[in-house]
C-alpha atoms as a PDB file:
ATOM      1  CA  MET A   1     -12.692 -24.088  -2.730  1.00  0.00           C
ATOM      2  CA  ILE A   2     -12.199 -21.910   0.348  1.00  0.00           C
ATOM      3  CA  LYS A   3     -14.936 -19.716   1.815  1.00  0.00           C
ATOM      4  CA  VAL A   4     -13.927 -16.723   3.891  1.00  0.00           C
ATOM      5  CA  SER A   5     -16.890 -15.797   6.094  1.00  0.00           C
ATOM      6  CA  VAL A   6     -16.976 -12.483   7.925  1.00  0.00           C
ATOM      7  CA  PHE A   7     -19.526 -12.550  10.753  1.00  0.00           C
ATOM      8  CA  TYR A   8     -20.745  -9.288  12.308  1.00  0.00           C
ATOM      9  CA  PRO A   9     -22.242 -10.210  15.718  1.00  0.00           C
ATOM     10  CA  ASN A  10     -25.438  -8.364  16.537  1.00  0.00           C
ATOM     11  CA  ARG A  11     -25.149  -6.430  19.792  1.00  0.00           C
ATOM     12  CA  GLU A  12     -26.991  -3.660  21.568  1.00  0.00           C
ATOM     13  CA  GLY A  13     -25.707  -0.286  20.401  1.00  0.00           C
ATOM     14  CA  GLY A  14     -24.186  -1.820  17.300  1.00  0.00           C
ATOM     15  CA  LYS A  15     -24.701  -0.253  13.892  1.00  0.00           C
ATOM     16  CA  PHE A  16     -24.552  -1.939  10.519  1.00  0.00           C
ATOM     17  CA  ASP A  17     -25.409  -0.181   7.249  1.00  0.00           C
ATOM     18  CA  ILE A  18     -26.368  -3.078   4.962  1.00  0.00           C
ATOM     19  CA  SER A  19     -26.927  -0.739   2.004  1.00  0.00           C
ATOM     20  CA  TYR A  20     -23.393   0.666   2.257  1.00  0.00           C
ATOM     21  CA  TYR A  21     -21.980  -2.831   2.768  1.00  0.00           C
ATOM     22  CA  CYS A  22     -23.683  -4.230  -0.349  1.00  0.00           C
ATOM     23  CA  ASN A  23     -23.359  -1.197  -2.606  1.00  0.00           C
ATOM     24  CA  LYS A  24     -19.961   0.244  -1.634  1.00  0.00           C
ATOM     25  CA  HIS A  25     -17.843  -2.098   0.512  1.00  0.00           C
ATOM     26  CA  ILE A  26     -18.395  -5.370  -1.343  1.00  0.00           C
ATOM     27  CA  PRO A  27     -17.787  -3.748  -4.774  1.00  0.00           C
ATOM     28  CA  LEU A  28     -14.574  -2.262  -3.333  1.00  0.00           C
ATOM     29  CA  VAL A  29     -13.493  -5.713  -2.151  1.00  0.00           C
ATOM     30  CA  GLN A  30     -14.363  -7.225  -5.536  1.00  0.00           C
ATOM     31  CA  LYS A  31     -12.371  -4.565  -7.382  1.00  0.00           C
ATOM     32  CA  LEU A  32      -9.306  -4.856  -5.146  1.00  0.00           C
ATOM     33  CA  LEU A  33      -9.196  -8.666  -4.906  1.00  0.00           C
ATOM     34  CA  GLY A  34      -9.791  -9.068  -8.639  1.00  0.00           C
ATOM     35  CA  THR A  35      -9.741 -12.495 -10.246  1.00  0.00           C
ATOM     36  CA  ALA A  36      -8.583 -14.184  -7.014  1.00  0.00           C
ATOM     37  CA  LEU A  37     -12.138 -13.665  -5.730  1.00  0.00           C
ATOM     38  CA  LYS A  38     -14.347 -16.360  -7.289  1.00  0.00           C
ATOM     39  CA  GLY A  39     -17.694 -15.438  -5.750  1.00  0.00           C
ATOM     40  CA  VAL A  40     -19.427 -13.406  -3.081  1.00  0.00           C
ATOM     41  CA  ALA A  41     -22.644 -13.574  -1.055  1.00  0.00           C
ATOM     42  CA  VAL A  42     -24.080 -11.407   1.715  1.00  0.00           C
ATOM     43  CA  ASP A  43     -26.541 -12.557   4.384  1.00  0.00           C
ATOM     44  CA  HIS A  44     -28.505  -9.905   6.313  1.00  0.00           C
ATOM     45  CA  GLY A  45     -29.738 -11.134   9.700  1.00  0.00           C
ATOM     46  CA  ILE A  46     -33.454 -10.517  10.204  1.00  0.00           C
ATOM     47  CA  THR A  47     -34.422 -12.690  13.169  1.00  0.00           C
ATOM     48  CA  GLY A  48     -33.198 -15.434  15.415  1.00  0.00           C
ATOM     49  CA  SER A  49     -34.911 -18.592  16.564  1.00  0.00           C
ATOM     50  CA  PRO A  50     -37.566 -18.454  17.772  1.00  0.00           C
ATOM     51  CA  PRO A  51     -38.853 -15.833  15.320  1.00  0.00           C
ATOM     52  CA  GLY A  52     -39.016 -12.367  16.797  1.00  0.00           C
ATOM     53  CA  THR A  53     -35.785 -12.693  18.750  1.00  0.00           C
ATOM     54  CA  PRO A  54     -32.736 -10.722  17.576  1.00  0.00           C
ATOM     55  CA  ALA A  55     -30.620 -12.295  14.845  1.00  0.00           C
ATOM     56  CA  PRO A  56     -27.281 -13.501  16.241  1.00  0.00           C
ATOM     57  CA  TYR A  57     -25.467 -11.730  13.383  1.00  0.00           C
ATOM     58  CA  ALA A  58     -26.299  -8.358  11.811  1.00  0.00           C
ATOM     59  CA  ALA A  59     -24.726  -9.610   8.584  1.00  0.00           C
ATOM     60  CA  ILE A  60     -22.393 -12.253   7.212  1.00  0.00           C
ATOM     61  CA  GLY A  61     -20.210 -11.760   4.141  1.00  0.00           C
ATOM     62  CA  HIS A  62     -18.934 -14.795   2.232  1.00  0.00           C
ATOM     63  CA  LEU A  63     -16.012 -14.670  -0.194  1.00  0.00           C
ATOM     64  CA  LEU A  64     -14.898 -17.645  -2.310  1.00  0.00           C
ATOM     65  CA  PHE A  65     -11.299 -18.386  -3.315  1.00  0.00           C
ATOM     66  CA  ASP A  66      -9.483 -21.319  -4.888  1.00  0.00           C
ATOM     67  CA  SER A  67      -7.245 -21.678  -1.829  1.00  0.00           C
ATOM     68  CA  ALA A  68      -6.343 -20.121   1.500  1.00  0.00           C
ATOM     69  CA  GLU A  69      -3.081 -19.021  -0.081  1.00  0.00           C
ATOM     70  CA  SER A  70      -4.814 -17.175  -2.923  1.00  0.00           C
ATOM     71  CA  PHE A  71      -7.041 -15.406  -0.391  1.00  0.00           C
ATOM     72  CA  GLN A  72      -4.086 -14.405   1.788  1.00  0.00           C
ATOM     73  CA  LYS A  73      -2.025 -13.147  -1.153  1.00  0.00           C
ATOM     74  CA  ALA A  74      -4.897 -11.051  -2.572  1.00  0.00           C
ATOM     75  CA  PHE A  75      -5.985  -9.736   0.830  1.00  0.00           C
ATOM     76  CA  ASP A  76      -2.497  -8.870   2.053  1.00  0.00           C
ATOM     77  CA  ALA A  77      -1.910  -6.724  -1.027  1.00  0.00           C
ATOM     78  CA  HIS A  78      -5.059  -4.652  -0.317  1.00  0.00           C
ATOM     79  CA  ALA A  79      -5.744  -5.007   3.403  1.00  0.00           C
ATOM     80  CA  ALA A  80      -5.253  -1.325   4.247  1.00  0.00           C
ATOM     81  CA  PRO A  81      -8.042   0.157   2.062  1.00  0.00           C
ATOM     82  CA  ILE A  82     -10.416  -2.723   2.844  1.00  0.00           C
ATOM     83  CA  MET A  83      -9.943  -2.364   6.600  1.00  0.00           C
ATOM     84  CA  ALA A  84     -10.084   1.450   6.422  1.00  0.00           C
ATOM     85  CA  ASP A  85     -13.570   1.235   4.904  1.00  0.00           C
ATOM     86  CA  ILE A  86     -15.085  -0.789   7.791  1.00  0.00           C
ATOM     87  CA  PRO A  87     -15.990   2.230   9.995  1.00  0.00           C
ATOM     88  CA  ASN A  88     -18.100   3.542   7.108  1.00  0.00           C
ATOM     89  CA  TYR A  89     -20.668   0.774   7.626  1.00  0.00           C
ATOM     90  CA  THR A  90     -20.255  -0.703  11.105  1.00  0.00           C
ATOM     91  CA  ASN A  91     -18.946  -0.354  14.619  1.00  0.00           C
ATOM     92  CA  LEU A  92     -19.173  -4.124  15.148  1.00  0.00           C
ATOM     93  CA  GLN A  93     -16.036  -6.251  15.541  1.00  0.00           C
ATOM     94  CA  PRO A  94     -16.070  -8.923  12.814  1.00  0.00           C
ATOM     95  CA  ILE A  95     -15.248 -12.589  13.348  1.00  0.00           C
ATOM     96  CA  ILE A  96     -13.494 -14.224  10.390  1.00  0.00           C
ATOM     97  CA  GLN A  97     -13.563 -17.917   9.553  1.00  0.00           C
ATOM     98  CA  LEU A  98     -11.953 -19.772   6.654  1.00  0.00           C
ATOM     99  CA  SER A  99     -13.790 -22.950   5.663  1.00  0.00           C
ATOM    100  CA  GLU A 100     -13.244 -25.641   3.096  1.00  0.00           C
ATOM    101  CA  VAL A 101     -16.394 -25.961   0.989  1.00  0.00           C
ATOM    102  CA  LYS A 102     -17.428 -29.610   0.855  1.00  0.00           C
ATOM    103  CA  LEU A 103     -20.749 -29.385  -1.024  1.00  0.00           C
END
């Protein structure tokens, strides 16, 4: 199992609309990627450590796929509308990481 994590670093002046992300963007991604997408989770940063300090990430999206190849094939076919939707919820530059899920 491969997890594609999209990290949105928290920064001064950054905006992130978690409601839009959860209710519009992620459903769009689910629709476009179809059965290649095996699962999804969204983390919303609320605080750092120690408590009361800013969270390092405004949000993190996690997408599960059977393989890196299945992710790339599904994403490549629909990259344009997915990427075009990003300005609707954030001005932050995402960091993307592919990981192999071990547990």
